[in-house]
C-alpha atoms as a PDB file:
ATOM      1  CA  MET A   1      34.953  66.787  -5.466  1.00  0.00           C
ATOM      2  CA  ALA A   2      30.932  66.373  -5.730  1.00  0.00           C
ATOM      3  CA  ASN A   3      29.110  68.455  -8.402  1.00  0.00           C
ATOM      4  CA  THR A   4      27.053  70.139  -5.534  1.00  0.00           C
ATOM      5  CA  ALA A   5      25.987  72.990  -8.037  1.00  0.00           C
ATOM      6  CA  PRO A   6      21.943  72.853  -8.334  1.00  0.00           C
ATOM      7  CA  GLY A   7      19.325  72.722 -11.316  1.00  0.00           C
ATOM      8  CA  PRO A   8      18.656  70.019 -13.637  1.00  0.00           C
ATOM      9  CA  GLY A   9      21.407  66.552 -13.340  1.00  0.00           C
ATOM     10  CA  PRO A  10      22.757  65.344 -16.633  1.00  0.00           C
ATOM     11  CA  ALA A  11      19.465  63.142 -17.423  1.00  0.00           C
ATOM     12  CA  GLU A  12      17.068  66.527 -17.550  1.00  0.00           C
ATOM     13  CA  ALA A  13      18.920  68.444 -19.315  1.00  0.00           C
ATOM     14  CA  HIS A  14      18.133  68.052 -22.921  1.00  0.00           C
ATOM     15  CA  LEU A  15      13.723  67.662 -22.380  1.00  0.00           C
ATOM     16  CA  PRO A  16      12.290  66.981 -25.337  1.00  0.00           C
ATOM     17  CA  ALA A  17      10.130  69.590 -27.302  1.00  0.00           C
ATOM     18  CA  GLU A  18       6.835  67.958 -26.511  1.00  0.00           C
ATOM     19  CA  SER A  19       7.026  69.071 -22.243  1.00  0.00           C
ATOM     20  CA  VAL A  20       8.119  72.954 -23.381  1.00  0.00           C
ATOM     21  CA  ARG A  21       4.940  74.230 -22.142  1.00  0.00           C
ATOM     22  CA  PRO A  22       2.794  76.301 -25.117  1.00  0.00           C
ATOM     23  CA  SER A  23       3.000  79.698 -22.911  1.00  0.00           C
ATOM     24  CA  ARG A  24       6.385  78.938 -22.894  1.00  0.00           C
ATOM     25  CA  GLN A  25       6.723  77.754 -26.977  1.00  0.00           C
ATOM     26  CA  GLU A  26       4.332  81.257 -27.800  1.00  0.00           C
ATOM     27  CA  ALA A  27       7.472  83.258 -25.396  1.00  0.00           C
ATOM     28  CA  ASN A  28       9.746  82.435 -27.570  1.00  0.00           C
ATOM     29  CA  LEU A  29       8.104  82.816 -30.814  1.00  0.00           C
ATOM     30  CA  ARG A  30       7.039  86.047 -30.102  1.00  0.00           C
ATOM     31  CA  LEU A  31      10.943  86.867 -28.973  1.00  0.00           C
ATOM     32  CA  ALA A  32      12.050  84.427 -32.871  1.00  0.00           C
ATOM     33  CA  LEU A  33       9.385  87.745 -34.588  1.00  0.00           C
ATOM     34  CA  VAL A  34      10.773  90.307 -32.620  1.00  0.00           C
ATOM     35  CA  LEU A  35      14.279  89.366 -33.068  1.00  0.00           C
ATOM     36  CA  ALA A  36      13.510  89.243 -36.748  1.00  0.00           C
ATOM     37  CA  SER A  37      11.822  91.993 -37.194  1.00  0.00           C
ATOM     38  CA  ILE A  38      15.544  93.482 -35.245  1.00  0.00           C
ATOM     39  CA  ALA A  39      17.016  92.436 -38.031  1.00  0.00           C
ATOM     40  CA  VAL A  40      15.165  92.533 -40.532  1.00  0.00           C
ATOM     41  CA  ALA A  41      14.934  96.546 -39.666  1.00  0.00           C
ATOM     42  CA  PHE A  42      19.011  96.947 -39.655  1.00  0.00           C
ATOM     43  CA  PHE A  43      19.415  95.244 -42.756  1.00  0.00           C
ATOM     44  CA  LEU A  44      16.412  98.001 -44.500  1.00  0.00           C
ATOM     45  CA  GLY A  45      18.523 100.812 -43.146  1.00  0.00           C
ATOM     46  CA  ILE A  46      21.539  99.837 -44.416  1.00  0.00           C
ATOM     47  CA  VAL A  47      20.215  99.591 -48.143  1.00  0.00           C
ATOM     48  CA  LEU A  48      18.587 102.718 -47.498  1.00  0.00           C
ATOM     49  CA  LYS A  49      21.184 103.956 -46.859  1.00  0.00           C
ATOM     50  CA  TYR A  50      23.211 103.151 -49.731  1.00  0.00           C
ATOM     51  CA  VAL A  51      20.139 104.540 -51.920  1.00  0.00           C
ATOM     52  CA  LEU A  52      19.855 107.559 -50.638  1.00  0.00           C
ATOM     53  CA  PHE A  53      23.389 108.656 -50.061  1.00  0.00           C
ATOM     54  CA  PRO A  54      25.251 106.195 -52.640  1.00  0.00           C
ATOM     55  CA  ALA A  55      29.405 106.587 -52.061  1.00  0.00           C
ATOM     56  CA  PRO A  56      30.862 109.814 -54.453  1.00  0.00           C
END
């Protein structure tokens, strides 16, 4: 049975980075910065927890 699923074929699945539109790159950068800031805030929260409330 042939693959009838819609979407890009194998040759179109991996496009070079130059084909990514600038607006998509800006959106990806914004998402990366948001996720990185969440990770940093989480890490700092854990550090502050152990600084302010040390284990007995």
